Each structure stands twice: as C-alpha cells, then as structure tokens.
Amino acid sequence: MKNSIYFFHFLFVLGLLAACSVQEKENTAESLETSIGPEIAIAWNHMAYTIANQHDQFLSFIGVRALAMSHLAMHDALNAIESEYEPMAYRGTSSEASPTAAASQAAYEVLVTIYPDRKDTLDAALENWLSRESDASARAAGVELGKATAASIIQLRKGDGHEKNGGYTPMNKPGAYQYTPNFDWVWKPDFSYATPFTLDTLTQFRSPPPPGLSSIEYTDSYNEVKLFGGAGSTVRTEDQTNIAHWWAEFGEHGWNRIGRITAEENNLSLWKAVRLFALINVTLYDLYLVSFESKYHYDTWRPITAIHNADNDKNWDTRPDAGWQPEMLTPPWPEYPSAHAAVGAAGAEIVAHVFGTHNVSFTMESVTARDEGKIRTYTNLKDAAKDCADSRIFNGFHFRFATFEGLLQGKKVAKFIHGKILRPVE
C-alpha cells in the first residue's frame, strides 16, 4: 500500500514537471513574439519605400508590388519561426532561426531581385541587421529561412503582368474621358494582364454605374466641385485648401508612413508590424486593380472637361465655364470612381483591423502640403479617410459621387483581404 502511494506520488510529480515544461515552452514562444518590437519592420518598410520612390516615384506598379512582396516574405519567415498568423506562401518551419536575420534576409532577397541596381545599398542594410544577431547558428538558420520565404513569394508573383500597359483612345462624346491639360496619354489603361494577390477576378468589386448627366446627383456634384474645387475658390475655406494639398500625395506614401508612425508609437510586436505593412500594400495593389478596372469600364470625364463642355451635356442646370481651372493639376486617367478615396478608406480599414479600433492617433507631415499646413493630427481613422476623400473635391479632381463610391469600394476590398489572408492562427 505504502509503495503504491509512493508510485502515485511519483507519477504526479512527473505530470507536474511535464506541465511546467509545456508552460515554459509556451511562455518562451510568447515572449519571442512579444519581446521584439517593430524596429526591423519599420526600417525595411522605409528602405523599400525609399528605393521604390527614387526608382519612379510610384508611377508604376513596381513600387507597391515590391513593398507587398518584401513584407509578405518577412511575414512568412517570422511565422515559420513562431506561428501567429497564417502564411501567404511558405509552409515550412524553423524554430531555431533568428527572427532578425530571417526577416531581414527575406526583405533583402525580394528587393535585390526587383531592384538589382540598388544591391550596394541593400547589402549594407542587410549586414547591419545580421550583425546584431550574436548567435551564429540562429543567424545562419535565419538567413536560410529568409532566402526560402523570399523565393516562395517571388515564385508566387512570377509572370503577374504588373509591368504591362496597353493602348487607349478617348471617345469624343459628352461624359466620356478626354485627355486633361498637359497630358496626351493615360496611366495603365489595360488591367486584363495583371494578377491580383487575393482577388478572384478583377471585376469582383466593380463599382455600380455612375449617375447620368441629367440626374440630380450629377448636377449637385458638378456644382459642388465647380464651386469648391476651382483654383482660388472664394467659398473653399483655408483648412479645406490645406486638406486638398495635404492629402494629394499617393496612398503608397501616406499609408506606409502612417503605418510606420502608428507601429512605432504603439510599439507593435515585430510579427504584428510586418503583418500590418503586408496587409497595407497587398490591399493597395489589389485595390488599384479594382478601382482602375472600374475607371476604364465606365471611362468618365473629369470635372475640368465637364465644366468646359457643359453646354453639350443636355443638362440645363450645369452651366459651362471655359476659364475654370482646378486647384491642382488633374491626373491623366478617368474620373469614376475615386481611387484616392478608395485607398484612404482601405488604409483606414487595415490599420483599424490591426489595432482593433478606428481610434488610432497619428501626427504626420505630408510631402505635398502647403507651407502653412504641413502637419495634421488625426485621432480617428474614419476622419482621416473622410478628409482624404473630400480632398479630391477641394482640389478639383472628382465629383462627390465618385468619392462616395471610392470610400465604399475601398472598405469592401480591405475587409475582403484581411478576412482572406494572414489571419490569426486559432
């Protein structure tokens, strides 16, 4: 009987030790994910952004594609070490690898493949991060893991048609897009070649038709942008003019910068920060495909064309003004829907998803802002998205119905994407 008691006591102790061992492993894994801050993610995002901007100022799909791919490769590398979120392409594991080395090598391999002429800059950045890992074995494992995850992402996007363009000829009829001043070309008129990261088809989120030229909605939008979007408008307030210029920079600039600011100020973990940047840039890429597919499908004119030619629109409530000019130079592509409003709504949706709330604060300087309005502060992402959409009316680029549809489209696409990829592991 006594021996039996000792035996059961022995089994109890063994069970307790085993439970402690499991708990210790869980605590170690948890501390690995939570103990590393966003510095690496922020640094490589800024590196990718800077190189892309210097390459062509994001006037092609090369830059946003590079940002998306580099962060996806980093994401898969980190989650092969400690699985917090679903991978995009790489399914292997390497728990011994250094997160610093793995994430850095992954970003490097993608970027040096896309921008081989920047190898010296990228080599220096990689060496800087690898030198911070003192464990030679973990560093070597991280390097191999980063190479593997980058290769899987590069293979995933091979032949995706991002570099192709296509042809375009404007239709000479009321309501149809015409070349705007200073341009005799349009940007990216054919998206049938491009492969999205997440969408099933490019028409999946196509916008509904815009209002007709004789409709009340069109008339109200026409008269609003004519009043508020003209150069030197006397009804537009000083702050509305500041909004027009502050939000004029491309979404690739603004929302990657917002990501860096919020990740640093809220000290996101490396895993969360890399996922944030991956979701932002995948969403930007796929959303541009969706928005411009809608733009060229409906092929509608810009306010400057509409206001100069209103005597041909068969609408008695839209009076022409041949001397009207927008506050800023109109971009060379069709008007409806507003891609900029869509990007603002999508960016806000992604950042809110990562933080679990729209009540995220940031203070930021815009590269397109006027001297008297360089810095703005937001405490709610919905307010930022609204100002982004309104800016396109204040600078004379869009009608209200186009910005309204852009907001809806951007939110839909963002929700679809963060519900489909890189989801938390249950």
Protein backbone atom coordinates (compact mmCIF):
# COMPACT_ATOMS: atom_id res chain seq x y z
CA MET A 1 0.00 0.00 0.00
CA LYS A 2 2.81 2.37 1.00
CA ASN A 3 4.69 1.58 -2.23
CA SER A 4 1.53 2.35 -4.21
CA ILE A 5 1.28 5.77 -2.57
CA TYR A 6 4.92 6.49 -3.43
CA PHE A 7 4.29 5.31 -7.01
CA PHE A 8 1.26 7.58 -7.50
CA HIS A 9 3.16 10.45 -5.90
CA PHE A 10 5.99 9.86 -8.37
CA LEU A 11 3.55 9.92 -11.30
CA PHE A 12 2.02 13.16 -10.02
CA VAL A 13 5.44 14.82 -9.82
CA LEU A 14 6.27 13.66 -13.35
CA GLY A 15 2.98 15.08 -14.63
CA LEU A 16 3.60 18.36 -12.85
CA LEU A 17 7.09 18.63 -14.32
CA ALA A 18 5.74 17.88 -17.80
CA ALA A 19 3.05 20.52 -17.43
CA CYS A 20 5.64 23.04 -16.25
CA SER A 21 7.81 22.18 -19.25
CA VAL A 22 4.93 22.76 -21.66
CA GLN A 23 4.05 26.04 -19.93
CA GLU A 24 7.69 27.12 -20.05
CA LYS A 25 7.78 26.46 -23.81
CA GLU A 26 4.55 28.42 -24.29
CA ASN A 27 5.91 31.32 -22.25
CA THR A 28 9.16 31.23 -24.23
CA ALA A 29 7.27 31.26 -27.53
CA GLU A 30 5.02 34.05 -26.34
CA SER A 31 7.94 36.16 -25.16
CA LEU A 32 9.69 35.66 -28.51
CA GLU A 33 6.76 37.17 -30.41
CA THR A 34 6.07 39.95 -27.93
CA SER A 35 9.63 40.85 -26.89
CA ILE A 36 10.78 42.06 -30.31
CA GLY A 37 9.49 45.50 -31.26
CA PRO A 38 8.67 46.92 -34.71
CA GLU A 39 12.10 48.44 -35.46
CA ILE A 40 13.08 45.86 -38.09
CA ALA A 41 9.73 46.09 -39.89
CA ILE A 42 9.80 49.89 -39.88
CA ALA A 43 13.38 50.02 -41.15
CA TRP A 44 12.77 47.64 -44.06
CA ASN A 45 9.48 49.33 -44.93
CA HIS A 46 11.27 52.67 -45.11
CA MET A 47 14.07 51.11 -47.15
CA ALA A 48 11.66 49.55 -49.67
CA TYR A 49 9.60 52.75 -49.82
CA THR A 50 12.67 54.95 -50.40
CA ILE A 51 14.10 52.76 -53.16
CA ALA A 52 10.70 52.49 -54.88
CA ASN A 53 10.14 56.23 -54.70
CA GLN A 54 13.60 57.01 -56.04
CA HIS A 55 13.06 54.50 -58.85
CA ASP A 56 9.95 56.10 -60.40
CA GLN A 57 8.01 57.95 -57.67
CA PHE A 58 5.46 55.11 -57.66
CA LEU A 59 4.36 55.94 -61.20
CA SER A 60 4.13 52.21 -61.92
CA PHE A 61 3.06 49.08 -60.07
CA ILE A 62 6.69 48.17 -59.39
CA GLY A 63 6.93 50.02 -56.08
CA VAL A 64 3.75 48.92 -54.31
CA ARG A 65 4.34 45.38 -55.60
CA ALA A 66 7.86 45.42 -54.11
CA LEU A 67 6.53 46.66 -50.76
CA ALA A 68 3.84 43.98 -50.68
CA MET A 69 6.22 41.16 -51.66
CA SER A 70 9.01 42.12 -49.27
CA HIS A 71 6.66 42.29 -46.28
CA LEU A 72 4.92 39.05 -47.25
CA ALA A 73 8.32 37.33 -47.35
CA MET A 74 9.17 38.78 -43.91
CA HIS A 75 5.76 37.71 -42.61
CA ASP A 76 6.20 34.11 -43.77
CA ALA A 77 9.71 33.96 -42.31
CA LEU A 78 8.58 35.14 -38.87
CA ASN A 79 5.60 32.81 -38.80
CA ALA A 80 7.79 29.87 -39.76
CA ILE A 81 9.67 30.57 -36.50
CA GLU A 82 6.62 31.15 -34.33
CA SER A 83 3.20 30.70 -35.88
CA GLU A 84 0.94 33.63 -35.01
CA TYR A 85 -0.69 34.21 -38.41
CA GLU A 86 -1.37 32.13 -41.50
CA PRO A 87 1.46 32.22 -44.07
CA MET A 88 1.00 33.57 -47.58
CA ALA A 89 3.10 31.05 -49.50
CA TYR A 90 5.81 29.34 -47.40
CA ARG A 91 4.70 26.34 -45.33
CA GLY A 92 7.97 25.25 -43.69
CA THR A 93 9.08 25.80 -40.09
CA SER A 94 12.38 26.77 -38.47
CA SER A 95 12.02 27.42 -34.75
CA GLU A 96 15.80 27.79 -34.28
CA ALA A 97 16.11 30.69 -36.73
CA SER A 98 16.84 34.24 -35.62
CA PRO A 99 13.80 36.50 -36.32
CA THR A 100 16.11 39.44 -37.02
CA ALA A 101 18.15 37.51 -39.57
CA ALA A 102 15.16 35.76 -41.15
CA ALA A 103 13.04 38.87 -41.62
CA SER A 104 15.96 40.96 -42.89
CA GLN A 105 17.19 38.32 -45.33
CA ALA A 106 13.65 37.82 -46.65
CA ALA A 107 13.18 41.52 -47.35
CA TYR A 108 16.64 41.78 -48.89
CA GLU A 109 16.14 38.86 -51.30
CA VAL A 110 12.89 40.30 -52.65
CA LEU A 111 14.18 43.84 -53.01
CA VAL A 112 17.51 42.94 -54.59
CA THR A 113 15.62 40.82 -57.15
CA ILE A 114 13.32 43.72 -58.08
CA TYR A 115 15.97 46.47 -57.79
CA PRO A 116 19.31 44.81 -58.65
CA ASP A 117 20.95 48.19 -59.28
CA ARG A 118 20.46 49.02 -55.57
CA LYS A 119 22.42 45.99 -54.38
CA ASP A 120 25.12 48.05 -52.61
CA THR A 121 22.52 49.91 -50.54
CA LEU A 122 20.66 46.72 -49.73
CA ASP A 123 23.87 44.84 -48.88
CA ALA A 124 24.78 47.49 -46.32
CA ALA A 125 21.32 47.37 -44.74
CA LEU A 126 21.35 43.58 -44.55
CA GLU A 127 24.82 43.48 -43.00
CA ASN A 128 23.71 46.00 -40.38
CA TRP A 129 20.83 43.79 -39.24
CA LEU A 130 22.65 40.46 -39.47
CA SER A 131 25.49 41.85 -37.33
CA ARG A 132 23.01 42.40 -34.49
CA GLU A 133 22.43 38.65 -34.08
CA SER A 134 25.21 37.29 -31.87
CA ASP A 135 24.16 33.62 -32.10
CA ALA A 136 25.93 32.37 -35.23
CA SER A 137 23.79 29.24 -35.51
CA ALA A 138 20.50 31.15 -35.19
CA ARG A 139 21.77 33.74 -37.65
CA ALA A 140 22.68 31.10 -40.24
CA ALA A 141 19.29 29.41 -39.83
CA GLY A 142 17.59 32.79 -40.20
CA VAL A 143 19.48 33.56 -43.40
CA GLU A 144 18.42 30.26 -44.94
CA LEU A 145 14.83 30.73 -43.84
CA GLY A 146 14.69 34.27 -45.25
CA LYS A 147 16.00 33.06 -48.59
CA ALA A 148 13.39 30.29 -48.67
CA THR A 149 10.41 32.50 -47.87
CA ALA A 150 11.53 35.17 -50.35
CA ALA A 151 11.87 32.53 -53.06
CA SER A 152 8.32 31.34 -52.41
CA ILE A 153 6.91 34.87 -52.70
CA ILE A 154 8.96 35.64 -55.82
CA GLN A 155 7.68 32.43 -57.41
CA LEU A 156 4.11 33.30 -56.39
CA ARG A 157 4.30 36.58 -58.33
CA LYS A 158 6.27 35.34 -61.32
CA GLY A 159 4.68 36.46 -64.57
CA ASP A 160 1.96 38.50 -62.84
CA GLY A 161 1.76 41.08 -65.66
CA HIS A 162 2.36 44.09 -63.44
CA GLU A 163 4.66 45.76 -65.97
CA LYS A 164 2.27 45.69 -68.96
CA ASN A 165 0.28 48.71 -70.08
CA GLY A 166 -1.94 48.62 -73.19
CA GLY A 167 -3.47 51.17 -75.54
CA TYR A 168 -6.17 53.81 -75.20
CA THR A 169 -8.12 56.17 -77.47
CA PRO A 170 -10.53 58.70 -75.94
CA MET A 171 -14.14 58.76 -77.13
CA ASN A 172 -15.31 62.18 -78.23
CA LYS A 173 -18.75 62.32 -76.63
CA PRO A 174 -20.31 64.08 -73.61
CA GLY A 175 -19.49 62.35 -70.34
CA ALA A 176 -16.54 60.36 -71.74
CA TYR A 177 -12.98 60.91 -70.56
CA GLN A 178 -10.83 63.29 -72.61
CA TYR A 179 -7.13 63.94 -72.18
CA THR A 180 -6.66 66.55 -69.48
CA PRO A 181 -4.28 69.56 -69.79
CA ASN A 182 -0.55 68.68 -70.01
CA PHE A 183 -1.26 65.03 -70.88
CA ASP A 184 -1.73 63.21 -74.17
CA TRP A 185 -1.69 59.78 -72.53
CA VAL A 186 -3.41 57.84 -69.74
CA TRP A 187 -1.93 55.72 -66.96
CA LYS A 188 -2.41 51.93 -67.10
CA PRO A 189 -5.42 51.61 -69.42
CA ASP A 190 -5.48 47.79 -69.58
CA PHE A 191 -5.59 45.65 -66.45
CA SER A 192 -6.54 42.36 -68.07
CA TYR A 193 -2.87 41.29 -67.83
CA ALA A 194 -2.48 41.90 -64.10
CA THR A 195 -2.81 39.18 -61.48
CA PRO A 196 -4.08 40.33 -58.06
CA PHE A 197 -2.68 38.98 -54.80
CA THR A 198 -6.04 37.98 -53.34
CA LEU A 199 -8.99 38.68 -55.64
CA ASP A 200 -10.85 36.02 -57.57
CA THR A 201 -11.44 38.34 -60.56
CA LEU A 202 -10.71 41.98 -61.37
CA THR A 203 -14.45 42.64 -61.70
CA GLN A 204 -15.21 41.22 -58.25
CA PHE A 205 -15.72 44.65 -56.71
CA ARG A 206 -16.61 46.66 -59.82
CA SER A 207 -18.45 49.88 -58.97
CA PRO A 208 -22.09 50.36 -59.98
CA PRO A 209 -22.69 52.74 -62.91
CA PRO A 210 -22.19 56.46 -62.18
CA PRO A 211 -25.24 58.76 -62.24
CA GLY A 212 -26.39 60.04 -65.63
CA LEU A 213 -25.50 63.52 -66.81
CA SER A 214 -29.08 64.75 -66.39
CA SER A 215 -29.55 63.31 -62.88
CA ILE A 216 -29.88 65.39 -59.71
CA GLU A 217 -26.89 63.57 -58.20
CA TYR A 218 -24.66 64.50 -61.11
CA THR A 219 -25.94 68.10 -61.11
CA ASP A 220 -25.29 68.56 -57.39
CA SER A 221 -21.81 67.02 -57.67
CA TYR A 222 -20.99 69.15 -60.71
CA ASN A 223 -21.96 72.39 -59.00
CA GLU A 224 -20.13 71.42 -55.78
CA VAL A 225 -16.78 70.74 -57.40
CA LYS A 226 -17.16 73.80 -59.63
CA LEU A 227 -17.54 75.97 -56.52
CA PHE A 228 -15.14 74.27 -54.10
CA GLY A 229 -12.53 72.77 -56.44
CA GLY A 230 -11.59 75.72 -58.57
CA ALA A 231 -8.23 77.45 -58.38
CA GLY A 232 -8.53 80.33 -55.94
CA SER A 233 -12.08 79.35 -54.91
CA THR A 234 -13.72 82.01 -52.73
CA VAL A 235 -16.07 79.54 -50.98
CA ARG A 236 -13.40 76.99 -50.02
CA THR A 237 -12.01 77.60 -46.52
CA GLU A 238 -8.32 77.83 -45.69
CA ASP A 239 -8.45 74.45 -43.96
CA GLN A 240 -10.20 72.86 -46.93
CA THR A 241 -7.42 74.16 -49.17
CA ASN A 242 -4.87 72.68 -46.76
CA ILE A 243 -6.73 69.34 -46.86
CA ALA A 244 -6.66 69.41 -50.68
CA HIS A 245 -2.88 69.73 -50.77
CA TRP A 246 -2.03 67.65 -47.67
CA TRP A 247 -3.82 64.56 -48.99
CA ALA A 248 -2.59 64.96 -52.57
CA GLU A 249 0.35 62.53 -52.21
CA PHE A 250 -0.16 58.95 -53.43
CA GLY A 251 -1.54 56.42 -50.97
CA GLU A 252 1.72 54.46 -51.12
CA HIS A 253 3.39 57.45 -49.47
CA GLY A 254 0.78 58.32 -46.88
CA TRP A 255 -0.41 54.95 -45.65
CA ASN A 256 3.05 53.39 -45.40
CA ARG A 257 4.12 56.44 -43.39
CA ILE A 258 1.01 56.17 -41.21
CA GLY A 259 1.87 52.51 -40.70
CA ARG A 260 5.40 53.38 -39.58
CA ILE A 261 4.20 56.10 -37.22
CA THR A 262 1.46 54.04 -35.56
CA ALA A 263 3.60 50.90 -35.33
CA GLU A 264 6.37 52.80 -33.55
CA GLU A 265 4.15 54.89 -31.27
CA ASN A 266 2.14 51.86 -30.17
CA ASN A 267 5.20 49.57 -30.03
CA LEU A 268 3.65 46.80 -32.11
CA SER A 269 5.42 43.48 -31.97
CA LEU A 270 7.58 42.62 -34.97
CA TRP A 271 5.06 39.97 -36.05
CA LYS A 272 2.15 42.47 -35.95
CA ALA A 273 4.11 45.28 -37.60
CA VAL A 274 5.23 43.14 -40.54
CA ARG A 275 1.65 41.90 -40.97
CA LEU A 276 0.40 45.50 -40.90
CA PHE A 277 2.74 46.53 -43.74
CA ALA A 278 1.97 43.39 -45.73
CA LEU A 279 -1.79 43.97 -45.48
CA ILE A 280 -1.48 47.68 -46.33
CA ASN A 281 0.49 47.06 -49.51
CA VAL A 282 -1.33 43.96 -50.72
CA THR A 283 -4.54 45.95 -50.29
CA LEU A 284 -3.11 48.94 -52.16
CA TYR A 285 -2.06 46.73 -55.07
CA ASP A 286 -5.33 44.84 -55.41
CA LEU A 287 -7.42 47.94 -54.80
CA TYR A 288 -5.72 49.82 -57.61
CA LEU A 289 -6.55 46.93 -59.92
CA VAL A 290 -10.19 47.04 -58.84
CA SER A 291 -10.50 50.83 -58.99
CA PHE A 292 -8.87 51.25 -62.39
CA GLU A 293 -10.83 48.35 -63.86
CA SER A 294 -13.95 50.31 -62.89
CA LYS A 295 -12.47 53.58 -64.17
CA TYR A 296 -11.78 52.27 -67.66
CA HIS A 297 -15.01 50.29 -67.76
CA TYR A 298 -17.08 53.48 -67.28
CA ASP A 299 -14.50 55.87 -68.84
CA THR A 300 -15.98 59.12 -67.44
CA TRP A 301 -14.77 62.67 -67.84
CA ARG A 302 -13.02 64.77 -65.23
CA PRO A 303 -14.55 67.95 -63.75
CA ILE A 304 -12.28 70.19 -65.86
CA THR A 305 -13.61 68.58 -69.05
CA ALA A 306 -17.20 68.55 -67.80
CA ILE A 307 -17.15 72.22 -66.76
CA HIS A 308 -15.55 73.37 -70.01
CA ASN A 309 -18.07 71.39 -72.07
CA ALA A 310 -21.26 71.61 -70.02
CA ASP A 311 -23.12 73.19 -72.95
CA ASN A 312 -23.03 69.71 -74.56
CA ASP A 313 -24.26 67.61 -71.58
CA LYS A 314 -28.01 68.31 -72.18
CA ASN A 315 -28.39 69.39 -68.55
CA TRP A 316 -29.81 72.92 -68.11
CA ASP A 317 -28.59 73.10 -64.51
CA THR A 318 -24.89 72.68 -65.32
CA ARG A 319 -23.55 75.93 -66.70
CA PRO A 320 -20.23 75.87 -68.58
CA ASP A 321 -17.17 77.92 -67.69
CA ALA A 322 -14.39 77.75 -70.28
CA GLY A 323 -11.97 79.53 -67.94
CA TRP A 324 -12.41 77.24 -64.93
CA GLN A 325 -9.26 75.54 -63.66
CA PRO A 326 -8.88 73.06 -60.79
CA GLU A 327 -6.88 73.87 -57.67
CA MET A 328 -4.31 71.24 -58.68
CA LEU A 329 -3.24 69.57 -61.94
CA THR A 330 -5.72 66.82 -62.88
CA PRO A 331 -4.24 63.28 -63.12
CA PRO A 332 -4.31 61.51 -66.51
CA TRP A 333 -6.96 58.80 -66.09
CA PRO A 334 -10.78 58.54 -65.98
CA GLU A 335 -12.71 60.01 -63.06
CA TYR A 336 -15.14 57.43 -61.64
CA PRO A 337 -14.68 56.00 -59.03
CA SER A 338 -12.10 57.88 -56.97
CA ALA A 339 -9.10 55.60 -56.40
CA HIS A 340 -7.70 58.05 -53.87
CA ALA A 341 -10.85 57.94 -51.74
CA ALA A 342 -10.78 54.14 -52.01
CA VAL A 343 -7.17 53.99 -50.84
CA GLY A 344 -7.97 56.25 -47.89
CA ALA A 345 -10.88 54.07 -46.80
CA ALA A 346 -8.90 50.86 -47.30
CA GLY A 347 -5.85 52.15 -45.44
CA ALA A 348 -8.03 53.20 -42.52
CA GLU A 349 -9.76 49.81 -42.52
CA ILE A 350 -6.48 47.85 -42.47
CA VAL A 351 -4.89 49.92 -39.70
CA ALA A 352 -8.11 49.73 -37.66
CA HIS A 353 -8.21 45.96 -38.16
CA VAL A 354 -4.66 45.53 -36.85
CA PHE A 355 -5.23 47.77 -33.82
CA GLY A 356 -8.79 46.62 -33.19
CA THR A 357 -10.22 50.15 -33.28
CA HIS A 358 -10.58 53.20 -35.53
CA ASN A 359 -9.49 55.36 -32.59
CA VAL A 360 -5.85 55.39 -33.63
CA SER A 361 -3.97 58.69 -33.40
CA PHE A 362 -1.18 59.96 -35.61
CA THR A 363 0.51 63.27 -36.39
CA MET A 364 2.17 63.47 -39.78
CA GLU A 365 3.75 65.78 -42.33
CA SER A 366 2.76 65.38 -45.98
CA VAL A 367 5.22 65.87 -48.82
CA THR A 368 2.58 67.66 -50.93
CA ALA A 369 1.31 70.02 -48.20
CA ARG A 370 1.46 73.79 -48.41
CA ASP A 371 3.96 75.52 -46.12
CA GLU A 372 1.14 76.82 -43.91
CA GLY A 373 -0.41 73.38 -43.46
CA LYS A 374 2.37 70.79 -43.48
CA ILE A 375 1.36 68.85 -40.34
CA ARG A 376 -2.02 67.40 -39.44
CA THR A 377 -3.16 65.29 -36.48
CA TYR A 378 -5.93 62.70 -36.51
CA THR A 379 -7.38 60.79 -33.58
CA ASN A 380 -9.78 58.63 -35.59
CA LEU A 381 -9.01 56.80 -38.84
CA LYS A 382 -12.50 57.39 -40.22
CA ASP A 383 -11.88 61.14 -40.06
CA ALA A 384 -8.64 60.66 -41.97
CA ALA A 385 -10.42 58.63 -44.68
CA LYS A 386 -13.16 61.27 -44.96
CA ASP A 387 -10.66 64.11 -45.37
CA CYS A 388 -8.77 62.06 -47.94
CA ALA A 389 -11.98 61.66 -49.98
CA ASP A 390 -13.03 65.30 -49.56
CA SER A 391 -9.60 66.45 -50.71
CA ARG A 392 -10.36 65.29 -54.24
CA ILE A 393 -13.31 67.68 -54.42
CA PHE A 394 -11.36 70.56 -52.90
CA ASN A 395 -8.53 70.16 -55.42
CA GLY A 396 -10.97 69.86 -58.35
CA PHE A 397 -10.25 66.26 -59.35
CA HIS A 398 -13.51 64.45 -58.57
CA PHE A 399 -17.25 64.63 -58.25
CA ARG A 400 -18.85 63.80 -54.89
CA PHE A 401 -20.48 60.62 -56.21
CA ALA A 402 -17.04 59.32 -57.25
CA THR A 403 -15.50 59.89 -53.83
CA PHE A 404 -18.53 58.35 -52.12
CA GLU A 405 -18.23 55.21 -54.24
CA GLY A 406 -14.47 55.17 -53.66
CA LEU A 407 -14.99 55.08 -49.90
CA LEU A 408 -17.39 52.14 -50.24
CA GLN A 409 -15.16 50.25 -52.65
CA GLY A 410 -12.02 50.70 -50.56
CA LYS A 411 -13.69 49.47 -47.39
CA LYS A 412 -15.14 46.41 -49.16
CA VAL A 413 -11.81 45.39 -50.67
CA ALA A 414 -9.90 45.87 -47.41
CA LYS A 415 -12.40 43.80 -45.43
CA PHE A 416 -12.24 41.06 -48.06
CA ILE A 417 -8.43 40.96 -47.94
CA HIS A 418 -7.92 40.93 -44.18
CA GLY A 419 -10.63 38.29 -43.95
CA LYS A 420 -8.86 36.09 -46.50
CA ILE A 421 -5.09 36.22 -45.88
CA LEU A 422 -2.63 36.40 -42.97
CA ARG A 423 -5.39 35.56 -40.49
CA PRO A 424 -4.58 34.84 -36.84
CA VAL A 425 -3.85 31.18 -36.16
CA GLU A 426 -6.57 29.69 -33.97
